Amino acid sequence: MAGILQMLLGVVVALIEVPCFCAFLDFAQNPYNYFEKRPYWHKALLYVILSAFIMVLCGELSTFVGSGLVFVTGSLYGIMALGKKASKDEMMMKAASMSSLIPTKEQPQDVDAGPSSAERFH
């Protein structure tokens, strides 16, 4: 059963990634067009779930090699979905703006109470 599902997974990956390999199928361009408009995490989720399901069904080496490669592809699409790392200057600027949000240890002063007793006598 896992071998049949692995072959179907190969056809699904071929339809999504390179529909020119399946030009003899009338609907070959549709999955490619659908996933091309979607974010990368959609492909990542599809590849990881399908390949993990097949690896759970059969724990042999050949299954892990075939479905494992699709799993790695899904993982790479997941990393691509996270986006590009910011430059050092952008990260430092973001950290500086975030530091103003961190509360300090200064005691808040009540506006209605006026200056404290220590400030009145100086």
Protein backbone atom coordinates (compact mmCIF):
# COMPACT_ATOMS: atom_id res chain seq x y z
CA MET A 1 0.00 0.00 0.00
CA ALA A 2 2.81 2.41 0.88
CA GLY A 3 4.48 1.79 -2.50
CA ILE A 4 1.31 2.67 -4.40
CA LEU A 5 0.86 5.83 -2.34
CA GLN A 6 4.50 6.72 -2.90
CA MET A 7 4.03 6.46 -6.66
CA LEU A 8 0.93 8.66 -6.44
CA LEU A 9 2.89 11.14 -4.35
CA GLY A 10 5.53 11.23 -7.10
CA VAL A 11 2.85 12.06 -9.68
CA VAL A 12 1.43 14.79 -7.41
CA VAL A 13 4.88 16.33 -6.94
CA ALA A 14 5.50 16.17 -10.70
CA LEU A 15 2.16 17.85 -11.42
CA ILE A 16 2.85 20.63 -8.94
CA GLU A 17 6.52 21.24 -9.71
CA VAL A 18 7.04 20.39 -13.40
CA PRO A 19 3.80 19.95 -15.34
CA CYS A 20 5.73 19.69 -18.61
CA PHE A 21 6.64 16.11 -17.60
CA CYS A 22 2.92 15.29 -17.58
CA ALA A 23 1.97 17.09 -20.78
CA PHE A 24 0.00 14.07 -21.94
CA LEU A 25 -2.56 14.75 -19.17
CA ASP A 26 -5.20 17.36 -19.98
CA PHE A 27 -5.32 18.72 -16.42
CA ALA A 28 -1.54 18.84 -15.87
CA GLN A 29 -1.31 22.64 -15.84
CA ASN A 30 -4.12 23.16 -13.28
CA PRO A 31 -2.28 22.02 -10.10
CA TYR A 32 0.79 23.99 -11.12
CA ASN A 33 -1.25 27.17 -11.65
CA TYR A 34 -3.10 26.66 -8.36
CA PHE A 35 0.03 26.24 -6.22
CA GLU A 36 1.98 28.91 -8.08
CA LYS A 37 -0.46 31.53 -6.76
CA ARG A 38 -0.33 30.22 -3.18
CA PRO A 39 2.27 30.90 -0.48
CA TYR A 40 5.11 28.44 0.00
CA TRP A 41 3.73 27.05 3.23
CA HIS A 42 0.83 25.43 1.31
CA LYS A 43 3.27 23.25 -0.62
CA ALA A 44 5.28 22.63 2.54
CA LEU A 45 2.24 21.42 4.45
CA LEU A 46 1.06 19.18 1.60
CA TYR A 47 4.46 17.57 1.05
CA VAL A 48 5.24 17.05 4.73
CA ILE A 49 1.85 15.55 5.62
CA LEU A 50 1.67 13.21 2.62
CA SER A 51 5.24 11.98 2.93
CA ALA A 52 5.01 11.52 6.71
CA PHE A 53 1.82 9.49 6.28
CA ILE A 54 3.54 7.17 3.81
CA MET A 55 6.58 6.76 6.07
CA VAL A 56 4.31 5.82 8.97
CA LEU A 57 2.64 3.13 6.86
CA CYS A 58 5.86 1.38 5.97
CA GLY A 59 9.15 1.78 7.79
CA GLU A 60 11.47 0.25 5.21
CA LEU A 61 14.57 1.95 3.85
CA SER A 62 13.20 2.42 0.34
CA THR A 63 10.12 4.18 1.72
CA PHE A 64 12.25 6.48 3.86
CA VAL A 65 14.47 7.39 0.91
CA GLY A 66 11.61 8.12 -1.51
CA SER A 67 9.20 9.82 0.87
CA GLY A 68 12.05 11.34 2.86
CA LEU A 69 13.16 13.34 -0.14
CA VAL A 70 9.64 14.73 -0.54
CA PHE A 71 9.64 15.46 3.22
CA VAL A 72 12.91 17.39 2.85
CA THR A 73 11.43 19.31 -0.08
CA GLY A 74 8.45 20.24 2.08
CA SER A 75 10.78 21.32 4.86
CA LEU A 76 12.70 23.54 2.45
CA TYR A 77 9.46 25.13 1.26
CA GLY A 78 8.61 25.74 4.92
CA ILE A 79 11.92 27.51 5.43
CA MET A 80 11.30 29.56 2.30
CA ALA A 81 7.89 30.52 3.69
CA LEU A 82 9.60 32.12 6.69
CA GLY A 83 11.17 34.65 4.37
CA LYS A 84 14.52 36.29 4.01
CA LYS A 85 16.51 37.31 7.06
CA ALA A 86 16.71 41.04 7.64
CA SER A 87 19.98 42.94 7.33
CA LYS A 88 22.02 43.73 10.43
CA ASP A 89 20.99 47.40 10.33
CA GLU A 90 17.29 46.53 10.09
CA MET A 91 17.55 44.11 13.01
CA MET A 92 19.39 46.68 15.17
CA MET A 93 16.82 49.34 14.35
CA LYS A 94 13.99 46.94 15.23
CA ALA A 95 15.71 46.01 18.50
CA ALA A 96 16.14 49.68 19.40
CA SER A 97 12.49 50.42 18.76
CA MET A 98 11.47 47.36 20.79
CA SER A 99 13.63 48.45 23.75
CA SER A 100 11.34 51.45 24.29
CA LEU A 101 8.48 49.01 24.90
CA ILE A 102 10.28 47.26 27.76
CA PRO A 103 9.15 48.69 31.12
CA THR A 104 11.86 50.30 33.24
CA LYS A 105 12.23 50.09 37.03
CA GLU A 106 11.30 53.75 37.57
CA GLN A 107 8.34 54.26 39.86
CA PRO A 108 5.37 55.87 38.15
CA GLN A 109 4.50 59.23 39.67
CA ASP A 110 0.93 60.09 40.44
CA VAL A 111 -0.06 63.23 38.54
CA ASP A 112 -2.55 64.46 41.15
CA ALA A 113 -0.23 63.99 44.11
CA GLY A 114 2.31 66.54 42.93
CA PRO A 115 6.03 66.29 43.81
CA SER A 116 7.13 63.84 46.45
CA SER A 117 8.17 64.99 49.91
CA ALA A 118 11.85 64.55 49.07
CA GLU A 119 11.52 66.83 46.06
CA ARG A 120 9.69 69.57 48.05
CA PHE A 121 12.53 70.10 50.50
CA HIS A 122 15.34 70.45 47.94
